[in-house]
């Protein structure tokens, strides 16, 4: 991740008329600045959704540790 990537993420959001970053976009920006972020992934198919769900369950200490995106 580079500063150019951060600018690209923000530029894409602005280009789409958004004033907020999506959850995964914000995690990437926060990670660039050295802030801790939870493990995350984007699932594009049912099998990958199941793997992503299993990963969250095996790496979190409680159900409240992982929060999904909200509007």
N, C-alpha and C. Protein backbone atom coordinates (compact mmCIF):
# COMPACT_ATOMS: atom_id res chain seq x y z
N UNK A 1 0.86 -1.17 0.00
CA UNK A 1 0.00 0.00 0.00
C UNK A 1 0.90 1.22 0.00
N UNK A 2 0.54 2.16 -0.83
CA UNK A 2 1.32 3.39 -0.94
C UNK A 2 0.39 4.59 -0.83
N UNK A 3 0.97 5.78 -0.71
CA UNK A 3 0.16 6.99 -0.67
C UNK A 3 -0.65 7.13 -1.95
N UNK A 4 -0.07 6.72 -3.06
CA UNK A 4 -0.80 6.77 -4.34
C UNK A 4 -2.04 5.88 -4.29
N UNK A 5 -1.94 4.71 -3.63
CA UNK A 5 -3.08 3.81 -3.49
C UNK A 5 -4.17 4.44 -2.62
N UNK A 6 -3.76 5.11 -1.57
CA UNK A 6 -4.71 5.80 -0.69
C UNK A 6 -5.45 6.87 -1.49
N UNK A 7 -4.70 7.65 -2.26
CA UNK A 7 -5.32 8.70 -3.07
C UNK A 7 -6.26 8.10 -4.12
N UNK A 8 -5.90 6.94 -4.65
CA UNK A 8 -6.74 6.26 -5.63
C UNK A 8 -8.07 5.82 -5.00
N UNK A 9 -8.00 5.26 -3.79
CA UNK A 9 -9.21 4.83 -3.08
C UNK A 9 -10.13 6.02 -2.85
N UNK A 10 -9.57 7.12 -2.37
CA UNK A 10 -10.38 8.31 -2.09
C UNK A 10 -10.91 8.91 -3.40
N UNK A 11 -10.07 8.94 -4.42
CA UNK A 11 -10.51 9.47 -5.71
C UNK A 11 -11.64 8.65 -6.32
N UNK A 12 -11.56 7.33 -6.18
CA UNK A 12 -12.62 6.45 -6.70
C UNK A 12 -13.93 6.73 -5.99
N UNK A 13 -13.88 6.86 -4.67
CA UNK A 13 -15.10 7.15 -3.89
C UNK A 13 -15.70 8.48 -4.34
N UNK A 14 -14.87 9.49 -4.46
CA UNK A 14 -15.36 10.81 -4.91
C UNK A 14 -15.94 10.73 -6.32
N UNK A 15 -15.26 9.99 -7.19
CA UNK A 15 -15.73 9.83 -8.57
C UNK A 15 -17.09 9.16 -8.65
N UNK A 16 -17.39 8.32 -7.67
CA UNK A 16 -18.68 7.64 -7.61
C UNK A 16 -19.72 8.46 -6.86
N UNK A 17 -19.32 9.67 -6.44
CA UNK A 17 -20.26 10.54 -5.73
C UNK A 17 -20.45 10.17 -4.26
N UNK A 18 -19.51 9.40 -3.72
CA UNK A 18 -19.62 8.99 -2.31
C UNK A 18 -18.86 9.95 -1.41
N UNK A 19 -19.40 10.17 -0.22
CA UNK A 19 -18.73 10.99 0.78
C UNK A 19 -18.15 10.14 1.90
N UNK A 20 -18.39 8.83 1.83
CA UNK A 20 -17.89 7.88 2.82
C UNK A 20 -17.16 6.77 2.09
N UNK A 21 -16.14 6.22 2.75
CA UNK A 21 -15.45 5.06 2.21
C UNK A 21 -16.20 3.80 2.62
N UNK A 22 -16.11 2.78 1.78
CA UNK A 22 -16.65 1.49 2.15
C UNK A 22 -15.76 0.90 3.24
N UNK A 23 -16.28 -0.08 3.94
CA UNK A 23 -15.54 -0.65 5.07
C UNK A 23 -14.15 -1.13 4.66
N UNK A 24 -14.06 -1.92 3.60
CA UNK A 24 -12.75 -2.45 3.20
C UNK A 24 -11.81 -1.33 2.73
N UNK A 25 -12.37 -0.27 2.12
CA UNK A 25 -11.54 0.86 1.70
C UNK A 25 -10.96 1.59 2.92
N UNK A 26 -11.81 1.80 3.91
CA UNK A 26 -11.33 2.50 5.11
C UNK A 26 -10.26 1.69 5.84
N UNK A 27 -10.40 0.37 5.85
CA UNK A 27 -9.39 -0.47 6.49
C UNK A 27 -8.04 -0.32 5.77
N UNK A 28 -8.07 -0.27 4.46
CA UNK A 28 -6.82 -0.12 3.70
C UNK A 28 -6.15 1.22 4.02
N UNK A 29 -6.95 2.28 4.09
CA UNK A 29 -6.39 3.60 4.41
C UNK A 29 -5.82 3.61 5.83
N UNK A 30 -6.56 3.07 6.78
CA UNK A 30 -6.09 3.02 8.16
C UNK A 30 -4.80 2.20 8.27
N UNK A 31 -4.75 1.09 7.55
CA UNK A 31 -3.55 0.24 7.58
C UNK A 31 -2.34 1.01 7.04
N UNK A 32 -2.54 1.79 5.99
CA UNK A 32 -1.44 2.59 5.43
C UNK A 32 -0.84 3.51 6.49
N UNK A 33 -1.70 4.08 7.32
CA UNK A 33 -1.22 5.01 8.36
C UNK A 33 -0.79 4.29 9.63
N UNK A 34 -0.71 2.97 9.60
CA UNK A 34 -0.16 2.21 10.71
C UNK A 34 -1.12 1.92 11.84
N UNK A 35 -2.42 2.11 11.60
CA UNK A 35 -3.40 1.84 12.64
C UNK A 35 -3.85 0.39 12.55
N UNK A 36 -4.13 -0.24 13.67
CA UNK A 36 -4.56 -1.65 13.64
C UNK A 36 -5.97 -1.76 13.07
N UNK A 37 -6.18 -2.76 12.23
CA UNK A 37 -7.49 -3.03 11.66
C UNK A 37 -7.80 -4.51 11.82
N UNK A 38 -9.08 -4.86 11.90
CA UNK A 38 -9.42 -6.29 12.01
C UNK A 38 -9.14 -7.00 10.69
N UNK A 39 -9.00 -8.32 10.77
CA UNK A 39 -8.84 -9.10 9.55
C UNK A 39 -10.15 -9.00 8.77
N UNK A 40 -10.03 -8.90 7.46
CA UNK A 40 -11.22 -8.78 6.64
C UNK A 40 -10.95 -9.35 5.26
N UNK A 41 -12.00 -9.56 4.53
CA UNK A 41 -11.87 -10.04 3.17
C UNK A 41 -13.18 -9.84 2.44
N UNK A 42 -13.10 -9.73 1.14
CA UNK A 42 -14.28 -9.61 0.31
C UNK A 42 -14.57 -10.96 -0.31
N UNK A 43 -15.80 -11.42 -0.19
CA UNK A 43 -16.20 -12.70 -0.73
C UNK A 43 -17.02 -12.48 -1.99
N UNK A 44 -16.63 -13.15 -3.07
CA UNK A 44 -17.36 -12.99 -4.33
C UNK A 44 -18.15 -14.24 -4.71
N UNK A 45 -18.04 -15.29 -3.91
CA UNK A 45 -18.79 -16.52 -4.19
C UNK A 45 -19.15 -17.19 -2.87
N UNK A 46 -20.08 -18.11 -2.93
CA UNK A 46 -20.51 -18.80 -1.71
C UNK A 46 -19.37 -19.52 -1.00
N UNK A 47 -18.51 -20.28 -1.71
CA UNK A 47 -17.40 -20.94 -1.01
C UNK A 47 -16.47 -19.95 -0.31
N UNK A 48 -16.19 -18.82 -0.95
CA UNK A 48 -15.29 -17.87 -0.31
C UNK A 48 -15.98 -17.17 0.86
N UNK A 49 -17.30 -17.03 0.82
CA UNK A 49 -18.03 -16.47 1.96
C UNK A 49 -17.91 -17.40 3.16
N UNK A 50 -18.01 -18.69 2.90
CA UNK A 50 -17.90 -19.66 3.99
C UNK A 50 -16.50 -19.63 4.60
N UNK A 51 -15.47 -19.55 3.75
CA UNK A 51 -14.10 -19.48 4.26
C UNK A 51 -13.89 -18.20 5.06
N UNK A 52 -14.42 -17.09 4.58
CA UNK A 52 -14.28 -15.81 5.27
C UNK A 52 -14.98 -15.86 6.62
N UNK A 53 -16.16 -16.46 6.66
CA UNK A 53 -16.90 -16.59 7.90
C UNK A 53 -16.15 -17.47 8.89
N UNK A 54 -15.59 -18.57 8.42
CA UNK A 54 -14.83 -19.47 9.29
C UNK A 54 -13.59 -18.77 9.83
N UNK A 55 -12.94 -17.96 9.00
CA UNK A 55 -11.76 -17.21 9.45
C UNK A 55 -12.13 -16.26 10.57
N UNK A 56 -13.22 -15.52 10.41
CA UNK A 56 -13.63 -14.58 11.46
C UNK A 56 -13.94 -15.31 12.75
N UNK A 57 -14.62 -16.44 12.66
CA UNK A 57 -14.98 -17.17 13.87
C UNK A 57 -13.76 -17.74 14.56
N UNK A 58 -12.74 -18.12 13.81
CA UNK A 58 -11.56 -18.73 14.43
C UNK A 58 -10.57 -17.70 14.94
N UNK A 59 -10.70 -16.43 14.52
CA UNK A 59 -9.71 -15.43 14.93
C UNK A 59 -10.26 -14.38 15.87
N UNK A 60 -11.52 -14.48 16.23
CA UNK A 60 -12.09 -13.48 17.14
C UNK A 60 -12.33 -14.08 18.50
N UNK A 61 -12.24 -13.25 19.52
CA UNK A 61 -12.42 -13.74 20.88
C UNK A 61 -13.88 -13.73 21.30
N UNK A 62 -14.69 -12.93 20.65
CA UNK A 62 -16.11 -12.89 20.97
C UNK A 62 -16.87 -12.43 19.74
N UNK A 63 -18.17 -12.71 19.66
CA UNK A 63 -18.94 -12.30 18.49
C UNK A 63 -18.91 -10.79 18.27
N UNK A 64 -18.74 -10.01 19.31
CA UNK A 64 -18.76 -8.55 19.17
C UNK A 64 -17.45 -8.00 18.61
N UNK A 65 -16.42 -8.84 18.52
CA UNK A 65 -15.13 -8.36 18.03
C UNK A 65 -15.20 -7.99 16.56
N UNK A 66 -15.96 -8.74 15.76
CA UNK A 66 -16.07 -8.45 14.33
C UNK A 66 -17.37 -7.74 14.07
N UNK A 67 -17.27 -6.58 13.44
CA UNK A 67 -18.47 -5.82 13.08
C UNK A 67 -18.51 -5.67 11.57
N UNK A 68 -19.60 -6.02 10.99
CA UNK A 68 -19.77 -5.85 9.54
C UNK A 68 -20.12 -4.42 9.22
N UNK A 69 -20.04 -4.08 7.96
CA UNK A 69 -20.33 -2.71 7.53
C UNK A 69 -21.80 -2.37 7.66
N UNK A 70 -22.07 -1.14 7.97
CA UNK A 70 -23.43 -0.64 8.08
C UNK A 70 -23.53 0.58 7.20
N UNK A 71 -24.57 0.61 6.32
CA UNK A 71 -24.87 1.70 5.39
C UNK A 71 -23.98 2.81 5.50
